[in-house]
Amino acid sequence: MGNVGNKMDVDFIVSTGDNFYDSGLVDEHDPTFYDSFTNVYTARSLQKQWYSVLGNHDYRGNALAQLSPTLRQRDDKWFCMRSFILHAGM
């Protein structure tokens, strides 16, 4: 993924759900956040803003934990909402 990000010179990354297998996060202090996000996406090209939405596996855990501002404080790349609205000009 880091190689693709580098080749494409990405400005941001969109994660379309199922951020944490198998059962989301327990809470905003769950070490899975580091083990499956912070410590995985370490390539320089991926140090951009991540826009993450929740998938079915995320709802198996504490979905509100992923929406917590605490995670953004722990890793400023992380930005998660239930949904995003994109306004694109023509």
Protein backbone atom coordinates (compact mmCIF):
# COMPACT_ATOMS: atom_id res chain seq x y z
CA MET A 1 0.00 0.00 0.00
CA GLY A 2 2.90 2.32 0.74
CA ASN A 3 4.31 1.74 -2.75
CA VAL A 4 0.96 2.55 -4.37
CA GLY A 5 0.60 5.66 -2.22
CA ASN A 6 4.05 6.77 -3.30
CA LYS A 7 3.46 6.12 -7.01
CA MET A 8 0.12 7.92 -6.96
CA ASP A 9 1.35 10.73 -4.70
CA VAL A 10 -1.86 10.51 -2.69
CA ASP A 11 -3.26 13.49 -0.81
CA PHE A 12 -5.43 11.39 1.54
CA ILE A 13 -6.63 7.83 2.14
CA VAL A 14 -10.22 6.58 2.40
CA SER A 15 -10.86 3.47 4.47
CA THR A 16 -14.25 2.04 3.60
CA GLY A 17 -14.94 0.05 6.74
CA ASP A 18 -13.96 -3.11 8.57
CA ASN A 19 -11.08 -1.17 10.07
CA PHE A 20 -10.45 -3.67 12.87
CA TYR A 21 -11.08 -7.41 12.37
CA ASP A 22 -12.79 -9.38 13.73
CA SER A 23 -14.77 -7.36 16.21
CA GLY A 24 -13.85 -3.68 16.05
CA LEU A 25 -12.43 -2.02 19.16
CA VAL A 26 -13.32 -2.63 22.79
CA ASP A 27 -12.83 1.03 23.69
CA GLU A 28 -10.62 3.99 22.74
CA HIS A 29 -7.73 2.48 24.73
CA ASP A 30 -7.81 -0.85 22.88
CA PRO A 31 -4.25 -1.76 21.75
CA THR A 32 -5.77 -3.08 18.51
CA PHE A 33 -5.80 0.53 17.29
CA TYR A 34 -2.00 0.61 17.38
CA ASP A 35 -1.56 -3.00 16.27
CA SER A 36 -3.87 -2.69 13.25
CA PHE A 37 -3.51 0.96 12.25
CA THR A 38 -0.69 3.08 13.68
CA ASN A 39 1.95 0.33 13.60
CA VAL A 40 0.86 -1.05 10.21
CA TYR A 41 0.53 1.99 7.94
CA THR A 42 4.02 3.35 8.53
CA ALA A 43 5.12 4.11 4.96
CA ARG A 44 5.98 7.75 4.43
CA SER A 45 3.42 8.01 1.61
CA LEU A 46 0.63 6.96 4.01
CA GLN A 47 1.30 9.68 6.56
CA LYS A 48 -1.65 11.61 5.21
CA GLN A 49 -5.17 12.20 6.47
CA TRP A 50 -7.18 8.99 6.68
CA TYR A 51 -10.96 9.26 6.32
CA SER A 52 -12.42 6.11 7.85
CA VAL A 53 -16.00 4.92 7.98
CA LEU A 54 -17.40 1.98 9.91
CA GLY A 55 -18.07 -1.47 8.47
CA ASN A 56 -19.98 -4.44 9.85
CA HIS A 57 -16.94 -5.80 11.73
CA ASP A 58 -16.46 -2.43 13.40
CA TYR A 59 -20.05 -2.51 14.69
CA ARG A 60 -19.38 -5.90 16.32
CA GLY A 61 -17.27 -4.01 18.84
CA ASN A 62 -17.69 -0.58 20.38
CA ALA A 63 -18.39 1.51 17.28
CA LEU A 64 -18.34 4.72 19.30
CA ALA A 65 -14.71 4.04 20.24
CA GLN A 66 -13.65 4.55 16.60
CA LEU A 67 -15.57 7.83 16.50
CA SER A 68 -13.90 9.07 19.67
CA PRO A 69 -11.67 12.17 19.44
CA THR A 70 -9.28 10.30 21.75
CA LEU A 71 -8.09 8.17 18.82
CA ARG A 72 -7.38 11.29 16.77
CA GLN A 73 -5.27 12.58 19.65
CA ARG A 74 -3.33 9.29 19.68
CA ASP A 75 -2.74 9.32 15.91
CA ASP A 76 -3.59 12.50 14.01
CA LYS A 77 -3.93 10.62 10.71
CA TRP A 78 -7.12 8.98 12.02
CA PHE A 79 -10.42 10.69 11.30
CA CYS A 80 -13.53 8.55 11.58
CA MET A 81 -17.19 9.40 11.17
CA ARG A 82 -20.21 7.26 10.44
CA SER A 83 -20.42 8.90 7.02
CA PHE A 84 -18.95 11.75 5.01
CA ILE A 85 -20.58 14.13 2.55
CA LEU A 86 -18.45 15.20 -0.38
CA HIS A 87 -19.15 18.42 -2.23
CA ALA A 88 -17.33 18.36 -5.57
CA GLY A 89 -17.35 21.21 -8.02
CA MET A 90 -18.05 20.67 -11.68
